[in-house]
PDB file of N, CA and C in Angstrom:
ATOM      1  N   UNK A   1      30.551  17.667  17.664  1.00  0.00           N
ATOM      2  CA  UNK A   1      31.337  18.196  16.567  1.00  0.00           C
ATOM      3  C   UNK A   1      31.200  17.273  15.336  1.00  0.00           C
ATOM      4  N   UNK A   2      30.920  17.826  14.214  1.00  0.00           N
ATOM      5  CA  UNK A   2      30.784  17.055  13.001  1.00  0.00           C
ATOM      6  C   UNK A   2      32.145  16.743  12.387  1.00  0.00           C
ATOM      7  N   UNK A   3      32.273  15.559  11.864  1.00  0.00           N
ATOM      8  CA  UNK A   3      33.490  15.235  11.108  1.00  0.00           C
ATOM      9  C   UNK A   3      33.166  15.255   9.664  1.00  0.00           C
ATOM     10  N   UNK A   4      34.086  15.768   8.906  1.00  0.00           N
ATOM     11  CA  UNK A   4      33.895  15.863   7.460  1.00  0.00           C
ATOM     12  C   UNK A   4      34.743  14.783   6.780  1.00  0.00           C
ATOM     13  N   UNK A   5      34.093  13.997   5.929  1.00  0.00           N
ATOM     14  CA  UNK A   5      34.829  12.936   5.222  1.00  0.00           C
ATOM     15  C   UNK A   5      35.873  13.477   4.310  1.00  0.00           C
ATOM     16  N   UNK A   6      35.555  14.600   3.652  1.00  0.00           N
ATOM     17  CA  UNK A   6      36.502  15.166   2.708  1.00  0.00           C
ATOM     18  C   UNK A   6      36.745  16.640   3.026  1.00  0.00           C
ATOM     19  N   UNK A   7      37.330  16.910   4.173  1.00  0.00           N
ATOM     20  CA  UNK A   7      37.634  18.300   4.517  1.00  0.00           C
ATOM     21  C   UNK A   7      38.673  18.825   3.558  1.00  0.00           C
ATOM     22  N   UNK A   8      38.478  19.980   3.051  1.00  0.00           N
ATOM     23  CA  UNK A   8      39.385  20.591   2.122  1.00  0.00           C
ATOM     24  C   UNK A   8      39.738  21.991   2.484  1.00  0.00           C
ATOM     25  N   UNK A   9      40.525  22.616   1.704  1.00  0.00           N
ATOM     26  CA  UNK A   9      40.917  24.014   1.880  1.00  0.00           C
ATOM     27  C   UNK A   9      40.308  24.788   0.735  1.00  0.00           C
ATOM     28  N   UNK A  10      39.585  25.813   1.097  1.00  0.00           N
ATOM     29  CA  UNK A  10      38.955  26.661   0.057  1.00  0.00           C
ATOM     30  C   UNK A  10      39.985  27.684  -0.396  1.00  0.00           C
ATOM     31  N   UNK A  11      40.019  27.886  -1.688  1.00  0.00           N
ATOM     32  CA  UNK A  11      40.940  28.828  -2.266  1.00  0.00           C
ATOM     33  C   UNK A  11      40.235  29.563  -3.425  1.00  0.00           C
ATOM     34  N   UNK A  12      40.790  30.670  -3.759  1.00  0.00           N
ATOM     35  CA  UNK A  12      40.247  31.460  -4.904  1.00  0.00           C
ATOM     36  C   UNK A  12      41.333  31.496  -6.005  1.00  0.00           C
ATOM     37  N   UNK A  13      40.917  31.088  -7.191  1.00  0.00           N
ATOM     38  CA  UNK A  13      41.833  31.078  -8.319  1.00  0.00           C
ATOM     39  C   UNK A  13      41.159  31.793  -9.475  1.00  0.00           C
ATOM     40  N   UNK A  14      41.902  32.623 -10.165  1.00  0.00           N
ATOM     41  CA  UNK A  14      41.332  33.346 -11.308  1.00  0.00           C
ATOM     42  C   UNK A  14      41.805  32.681 -12.598  1.00  0.00           C
ATOM     43  N   UNK A  15      40.839  32.247 -13.412  1.00  0.00           N
ATOM     44  CA  UNK A  15      41.126  31.613 -14.672  1.00  0.00           C
ATOM     45  C   UNK A  15      40.661  32.511 -15.823  1.00  0.00           C
ATOM     46  N   UNK A  16      41.258  32.311 -16.924  1.00  0.00           N
ATOM     47  CA  UNK A  16      40.792  32.965 -18.141  1.00  0.00           C
ATOM     48  C   UNK A  16      39.407  32.403 -18.504  1.00  0.00           C
ATOM     49  N   UNK A  17      38.461  33.255 -18.835  1.00  0.00           N
ATOM     50  CA  UNK A  17      37.097  32.757 -19.158  1.00  0.00           C
ATOM     51  C   UNK A  17      37.073  31.659 -20.191  1.00  0.00           C
ATOM     52  N   UNK A  18      37.934  31.747 -21.196  1.00  0.00           N
ATOM     53  CA  UNK A  18      37.939  30.708 -22.223  1.00  0.00           C
ATOM     54  C   UNK A  18      38.326  29.350 -21.647  1.00  0.00           C
ATOM     55  N   UNK A  19      39.245  29.341 -20.676  1.00  0.00           N
ATOM     56  CA  UNK A  19      39.651  28.082 -20.047  1.00  0.00           C
ATOM     57  C   UNK A  19      38.461  27.507 -19.227  1.00  0.00           C
ATOM     58  N   UNK A  20      37.773  28.334 -18.496  1.00  0.00           N
ATOM     59  CA  UNK A  20      36.624  27.880 -17.734  1.00  0.00           C
ATOM     60  C   UNK A  20      35.551  27.305 -18.692  1.00  0.00           C
ATOM     61  N   UNK A  21      35.337  28.014 -19.810  1.00  0.00           N
ATOM     62  CA  UNK A  21      34.345  27.526 -20.804  1.00  0.00           C
ATOM     63  C   UNK A  21      34.769  26.128 -21.304  1.00  0.00           C
ATOM     64  N   UNK A  22      36.038  25.976 -21.606  1.00  0.00           N
ATOM     65  CA  UNK A  22      36.521  24.694 -22.097  1.00  0.00           C
ATOM     66  C   UNK A  22      36.377  23.570 -21.026  1.00  0.00           C
ATOM     67  N   UNK A  23      36.721  23.923 -19.800  1.00  0.00           N
ATOM     68  CA  UNK A  23      36.574  22.967 -18.714  1.00  0.00           C
ATOM     69  C   UNK A  23      35.103  22.545 -18.586  1.00  0.00           C
ATOM     70  N   UNK A  24      34.205  23.522 -18.569  1.00  0.00           N
ATOM     71  CA  UNK A  24      32.789  23.227 -18.445  1.00  0.00           C
ATOM     72  C   UNK A  24      32.286  22.381 -19.643  1.00  0.00           C
ATOM     73  N   UNK A  25      32.879  22.582 -20.770  1.00  0.00           N
ATOM     74  CA  UNK A  25      32.423  21.868 -21.982  1.00  0.00           C
ATOM     75  C   UNK A  25      32.816  20.388 -21.925  1.00  0.00           C
ATOM     76  N   UNK A  26      33.973  20.093 -21.375  1.00  0.00           N
ATOM     77  CA  UNK A  26      34.480  18.709 -21.397  1.00  0.00           C
ATOM     78  C   UNK A  26      34.482  18.024 -20.049  1.00  0.00           C
ATOM     79  N   UNK A  27      34.096  18.693 -18.991  1.00  0.00           N
ATOM     80  CA  UNK A  27      34.190  18.178 -17.629  1.00  0.00           C
ATOM     81  C   UNK A  27      33.305  16.933 -17.468  1.00  0.00           C
ATOM     82  N   UNK A  28      33.917  15.777 -17.180  1.00  0.00           N
ATOM     83  CA  UNK A  28      33.144  14.520 -16.993  1.00  0.00           C
ATOM     84  C   UNK A  28      32.638  14.384 -15.540  1.00  0.00           C
ATOM     85  N   UNK A  29      33.033  15.244 -14.646  1.00  0.00           N
ATOM     86  CA  UNK A  29      32.670  15.171 -13.243  1.00  0.00           C
ATOM     87  C   UNK A  29      31.452  16.004 -12.950  1.00  0.00           C
ATOM     88  N   UNK A  30      30.898  15.838 -11.768  1.00  0.00           N
ATOM     89  CA  UNK A  30      29.679  16.570 -11.423  1.00  0.00           C
ATOM     90  C   UNK A  30      29.973  18.005 -11.052  1.00  0.00           C
ATOM     91  N   UNK A  31      31.190  18.315 -10.659  1.00  0.00           N
ATOM     92  CA  UNK A  31      31.559  19.649 -10.268  1.00  0.00           C
ATOM     93  C   UNK A  31      32.859  20.095 -10.867  1.00  0.00           C
ATOM     94  N   UNK A  32      33.038  21.413 -11.002  1.00  0.00           N
ATOM     95  CA  UNK A  32      34.295  21.961 -11.436  1.00  0.00           C
ATOM     96  C   UNK A  32      35.400  21.630 -10.412  1.00  0.00           C
ATOM     97  N   UNK A  33      35.005  21.678  -9.145  1.00  0.00           N
ATOM     98  CA  UNK A  33      35.991  21.395  -8.078  1.00  0.00           C
ATOM     99  C   UNK A  33      36.599  20.033  -8.237  1.00  0.00           C
ATOM    100  N   UNK A  34      35.765  19.047  -8.517  1.00  0.00           N
ATOM    101  CA  UNK A  34      36.288  17.693  -8.729  1.00  0.00           C
ATOM    102  C   UNK A  34      37.239  17.638  -9.940  1.00  0.00           C
ATOM    103  N   UNK A  35      36.842  18.314 -11.006  1.00  0.00           N
ATOM    104  CA  UNK A  35      37.682  18.342 -12.192  1.00  0.00           C
ATOM    105  C   UNK A  35      39.041  18.979 -11.878  1.00  0.00           C
ATOM    106  N   UNK A  36      39.021  20.116 -11.244  1.00  0.00           N
ATOM    107  CA  UNK A  36      40.273  20.820 -10.935  1.00  0.00           C
ATOM    108  C   UNK A  36      41.136  20.046  -9.941  1.00  0.00           C
ATOM    109  N   UNK A  37      40.501  19.410  -8.998  1.00  0.00           N
ATOM    110  CA  UNK A  37      41.260  18.576  -8.061  1.00  0.00           C
ATOM    111  C   UNK A  37      41.944  17.431  -8.764  1.00  0.00           C
ATOM    112  N   UNK A  38      41.186  16.731  -9.606  1.00  0.00           N
ATOM    113  CA  UNK A  38      41.773  15.592 -10.340  1.00  0.00           C
ATOM    114  C   UNK A  38      42.856  16.051 -11.312  1.00  0.00           C
ATOM    115  N   UNK A  39      42.632  17.153 -11.997  1.00  0.00           N
ATOM    116  CA  UNK A  39      43.618  17.693 -12.936  1.00  0.00           C
ATOM    117  C   UNK A  39      44.897  18.070 -12.158  1.00  0.00           C
ATOM    118  N   UNK A  40      44.741  18.646 -11.003  1.00  0.00           N
ATOM    119  CA  UNK A  40      45.876  19.048 -10.196  1.00  0.00           C
ATOM    120  C   UNK A  40      46.684  17.828  -9.732  1.00  0.00           C
ATOM    121  N   UNK A  41      45.932  16.811  -9.250  1.00  0.00           N
ATOM    122  CA  UNK A  41      46.603  15.593  -8.794  1.00  0.00           C
ATOM    123  C   UNK A  41      47.378  14.902  -9.922  1.00  0.00           C
ATOM    124  N   UNK A  42      46.770  14.837 -11.097  1.00  0.00           N
ATOM    125  CA  UNK A  42      47.432  14.202 -12.227  1.00  0.00           C
ATOM    126  C   UNK A  42      48.682  14.997 -12.655  1.00  0.00           C
ATOM    127  N   UNK A  43      48.581  16.316 -12.641  1.00  0.00           N
ATOM    128  CA  UNK A  43      49.720  17.142 -12.984  1.00  0.00           C
ATOM    129  C   UNK A  43      50.847  17.016 -11.971  1.00  0.00           C
ATOM    130  N   UNK A  44      50.502  16.948 -10.686  1.00  0.00           N
ATOM    131  CA  UNK A  44      51.528  16.769  -9.659  1.00  0.00           C
ATOM    132  C   UNK A  44      52.224  15.425  -9.833  1.00  0.00           C
ATOM    133  N   UNK A  45      51.474  14.368 -10.127  1.00  0.00           N
ATOM    134  CA  UNK A  45      52.093  13.082 -10.400  1.00  0.00           C
ATOM    135  C   UNK A  45      53.064  13.146 -11.588  1.00  0.00           C
ATOM    136  N   UNK A  46      52.663  13.854 -12.640  1.00  0.00           N
ATOM    137  CA  UNK A  46      53.492  14.001 -13.805  1.00  0.00           C
ATOM    138  C   UNK A  46      54.789  14.702 -13.438  1.00  0.00           C
ATOM    139  N   UNK A  47      54.695  15.747 -12.629  1.00  0.00           N
ATOM    140  CA  UNK A  47      55.896  16.464 -12.184  1.00  0.00           C
ATOM    141  C   UNK A  47      56.794  15.566 -11.307  1.00  0.00           C
ATOM    142  N   UNK A  48      56.219  14.813 -10.446  1.00  0.00           N
ATOM    143  CA  UNK A  48      56.983  13.891  -9.605  1.00  0.00           C
ATOM    144  C   UNK A  48      57.705  12.866 -10.470  1.00  0.00           C
ATOM    145  N   UNK A  49      57.004  12.282 -11.472  1.00  0.00           N
ATOM    146  CA  UNK A  49      57.652  11.310 -12.378  1.00  0.00           C
ATOM    147  C   UNK A  49      58.773  11.958 -13.145  1.00  0.00           C
ATOM    148  N   UNK A  50      58.557  13.222 -13.594  1.00  0.00           N
ATOM    149  CA  UNK A  50      59.602  13.916 -14.328  1.00  0.00           C
ATOM    150  C   UNK A  50      60.828  14.132 -13.482  1.00  0.00           C
ATOM    151  N   UNK A  51      60.611  14.486 -12.212  1.00  0.00           N
ATOM    152  CA  UNK A  51      61.744  14.699 -11.290  1.00  0.00           C
ATOM    153  C   UNK A  51      62.494  13.405 -11.077  1.00  0.00           C
ATOM    154  N   UNK A  52      61.753  12.307 -10.860  1.00  0.00           N
ATOM    155  CA  UNK A  52      62.375  11.010 -10.696  1.00  0.00           C
ATOM    156  C   UNK A  52      63.153  10.615 -11.942  1.00  0.00           C
ATOM    157  N   UNK A  53      62.584  10.818 -13.116  1.00  0.00           N
ATOM    158  CA  UNK A  53      63.256  10.497 -14.383  1.00  0.00           C
ATOM    159  C   UNK A  53      64.563  11.289 -14.524  1.00  0.00           C
ATOM    160  N   UNK A  54      64.495  12.566 -14.152  1.00  0.00           N
ATOM    161  CA  UNK A  54      65.716  13.409 -14.222  1.00  0.00           C
ATOM    162  C   UNK A  54      66.768  12.931 -13.251  1.00  0.00           C
ATOM    163  N   UNK A  55      66.347  12.553 -12.057  1.00  0.00           N
ATOM    164  CA  UNK A  55      67.297  12.018 -11.061  1.00  0.00           C
ATOM    165  C   UNK A  55      67.910  10.734 -11.553  1.00  0.00           C
ATOM    166  N   UNK A  56      67.090   9.847 -12.121  1.00  0.00           N
ATOM    167  CA  UNK A  56      67.604   8.587 -12.644  1.00  0.00           C
ATOM    168  C   UNK A  56      68.583   8.817 -13.813  1.00  0.00           C
ATOM    169  N   UNK A  57      68.240   9.759 -14.674  1.00  0.00           N
ATOM    170  CA  UNK A  57      69.119  10.051 -15.815  1.00  0.00           C
ATOM    171  C   UNK A  57      70.468  10.578 -15.287  1.00  0.00           C
ATOM    172  N   UNK A  58      70.428  11.450 -14.290  1.00  0.00           N
ATOM    173  CA  UNK A  58      71.688  11.985 -13.723  1.00  0.00           C
ATOM    174  C   UNK A  58      72.492  10.873 -13.093  1.00  0.00           C
ATOM    175  N   UNK A  59      71.827   9.979 -12.361  1.00  0.00           N
ATOM    176  CA  UNK A  59      72.528   8.849 -11.726  1.00  0.00           C
ATOM    177  C   UNK A  59      73.135   7.929 -12.769  1.00  0.00           C
ATOM    178  N   UNK A  60      72.391   7.676 -13.820  1.00  0.00           N
ATOM    179  CA  UNK A  60      72.926   6.808 -14.903  1.00  0.00           C
ATOM    180  C   UNK A  60      74.123   7.452 -15.601  1.00  0.00           C
ATOM    181  N   UNK A  61      74.062   8.741 -15.794  1.00  0.00           N
ATOM    182  CA  UNK A  61      75.159   9.450 -16.423  1.00  0.00           C
ATOM    183  C   UNK A  61      76.404   9.347 -15.522  1.00  0.00           C
ATOM    184  N   UNK A  62      76.196   9.568 -14.233  1.00  0.00           N
ATOM    185  CA  UNK A  62      77.309   9.496 -13.284  1.00  0.00           C
ATOM    186  C   UNK A  62      77.862   8.050 -13.227  1.00  0.00           C
ATOM    187  N   UNK A  63      76.969   7.112 -13.177  1.00  0.00           N
ATOM    188  CA  UNK A  63      77.419   5.715 -13.114  1.00  0.00           C
ATOM    189  C   UNK A  63      78.150   5.323 -14.415  1.00  0.00           C
ATOM    190  N   UNK A  64      77.654   5.824 -15.535  1.00  0.00           N
ATOM    191  CA  UNK A  64      78.291   5.539 -16.809  1.00  0.00           C
ATOM    192  C   UNK A  64      79.705   6.074 -16.846  1.00  0.00           C
ATOM    193  N   UNK A  65      79.897   7.271 -16.310  1.00  0.00           N
ATOM    194  CA  UNK A  65      81.277   7.866 -16.282  1.00  0.00           C
ATOM    195  C   UNK A  65      82.167   7.019 -15.359  1.00  0.00           C
ATOM    196  N   UNK A  66      81.657   6.590 -14.216  1.00  0.00           N
ATOM    197  CA  UNK A  66      82.405   5.758 -13.316  1.00  0.00           C
ATOM    198  C   UNK A  66      82.788   4.462 -14.013  1.00  0.00           C
ATOM    199  N   UNK A  67      81.816   3.868 -14.763  1.00  0.00           N
ATOM    200  CA  UNK A  67      82.102   2.611 -15.484  1.00  0.00           C
ATOM    201  C   UNK A  67      83.152   2.795 -16.531  1.00  0.00           C
ATOM    202  N   UNK A  68      83.141   3.944 -17.251  1.00  0.00           N
ATOM    203  CA  UNK A  68      84.156   4.190 -18.288  1.00  0.00           C
ATOM    204  C   UNK A  68      85.521   4.329 -17.645  1.00  0.00           C
ATOM    205  N   UNK A  69      85.606   5.013 -16.514  1.00  0.00           N
ATOM    206  CA  UNK A  69      86.906   5.130 -15.791  1.00  0.00           C
ATOM    207  C   UNK A  69      87.405   3.774 -15.342  1.00  0.00           C
ATOM    208  N   UNK A  70      86.500   3.004 -14.741  1.00  0.00           N
ATOM    209  CA  UNK A  70      86.875   1.694 -14.251  1.00  0.00           C
ATOM    210  C   UNK A  70      87.317   0.789 -15.416  1.00  0.00           C
ATOM    211  N   UNK A  71      86.583   0.872 -16.527  1.00  0.00           N
ATOM    212  CA  UNK A  71      86.923   0.071 -17.693  1.00  0.00           C
ATOM    213  C   UNK A  71      88.300   0.462 -18.240  1.00  0.00           C
ATOM    214  N   UNK A  72      88.560   1.738 -18.243  1.00  0.00           N
ATOM    215  CA  UNK A  72      89.865   2.172 -18.781  1.00  0.00           C
ATOM    216  C   UNK A  72      91.020   1.656 -17.914  1.00  0.00           C
ATOM    217  N   UNK A  73      90.796   1.625 -16.594  1.00  0.00           N
ATOM    218  CA  UNK A  73      91.847   1.077 -15.691  1.00  0.00           C
ATOM    219  C   UNK A  73      92.043  -0.410 -15.944  1.00  0.00           C
ATOM    220  N   UNK A  74      90.949  -1.143 -16.080  1.00  0.00           N
ATOM    221  CA  UNK A  74      91.066  -2.587 -16.271  1.00  0.00           C
ATOM    222  C   UNK A  74      91.603  -2.904 -17.680  1.00  0.00           C
ATOM    223  N   UNK A  75      91.228  -2.098 -18.660  1.00  0.00           N
ATOM    224  CA  UNK A  75      91.705  -2.330 -20.011  1.00  0.00           C
ATOM    225  C   UNK A  75      93.225  -2.238 -20.059  1.00  0.00           C
ATOM    226  N   UNK A  76      93.781  -1.209 -19.465  1.00  0.00           N
ATOM    227  CA  UNK A  76      95.240  -1.030 -19.485  1.00  0.00           C
ATOM    228  C   UNK A  76      95.926  -2.145 -18.735  1.00  0.00           C
ATOM    229  N   UNK A  77      95.353  -2.592 -17.614  1.00  0.00           N
ATOM    230  CA  UNK A  77      95.938  -3.693 -16.849  1.00  0.00           C
ATOM    231  C   UNK A  77      95.851  -4.988 -17.634  1.00  0.00           C
ATOM    232  N   UNK A  78      94.770  -5.228 -18.345  1.00  0.00           N
ATOM    233  CA  UNK A  78      94.622  -6.432 -19.135  1.00  0.00           C
ATOM    234  C   UNK A  78      95.604  -6.429 -20.324  1.00  0.00           C
ATOM    235  N   UNK A  79      95.733  -5.299 -20.953  1.00  0.00           N
ATOM    236  CA  UNK A  79      96.687  -5.188 -22.100  1.00  0.00           C
ATOM    237  C   UNK A  79      98.122  -5.409 -21.651  1.00  0.00           C
ATOM    238  N   UNK A  80      98.476  -5.017 -20.438  1.00  0.00           N
ATOM    239  CA  UNK A  80      99.844  -5.207 -19.971  1.00  0.00           C
ATOM    240  C   UNK A  80     100.213  -6.671 -19.930  1.00  0.00           C
ATOM    241  N   UNK A  81      99.308  -7.520 -19.559  1.00  0.00           N
ATOM    242  CA  UNK A  81      99.619  -8.939 -19.462  1.00  0.00           C
ATOM    243  C   UNK A  81      99.762  -9.587 -20.849  1.00  0.00           C
ATOM    244  N   UNK A  82      99.188  -8.988 -21.853  1.00  0.00           N
ATOM    245  CA  UNK A  82      99.263  -9.572 -23.212  1.00  0.00           C
ATOM    246  C   UNK A  82     100.496  -9.107 -23.960  1.00  0.00           C
ATOM    247  N   UNK A  83     101.137  -8.051 -23.490  1.00  0.00           N
ATOM    248  CA  UNK A  83     102.296  -7.526 -24.216  1.00  0.00           C
ATOM    249  C   UNK A  83     103.556  -8.184 -23.817  1.00  0.00           C
TER     250      UNK A  83
END
């Protein structure tokens, strides 16, 4: 049984002819397949980073609200000792 170093899944995708023409015009790789694989990988990484950024922003917003509440409690307690 032969082993394949880069076994993949074959799929059929329909592109607009102008997009294929543009890909063929600027493709630095030896095949369209390699171009599309690399483009897909880069786009997936971009989506993953965007998701992480959104999660971090939500966590920071939540933590900021908790900090404001905590600060308000401490501020009133601190002011009580000065009055």
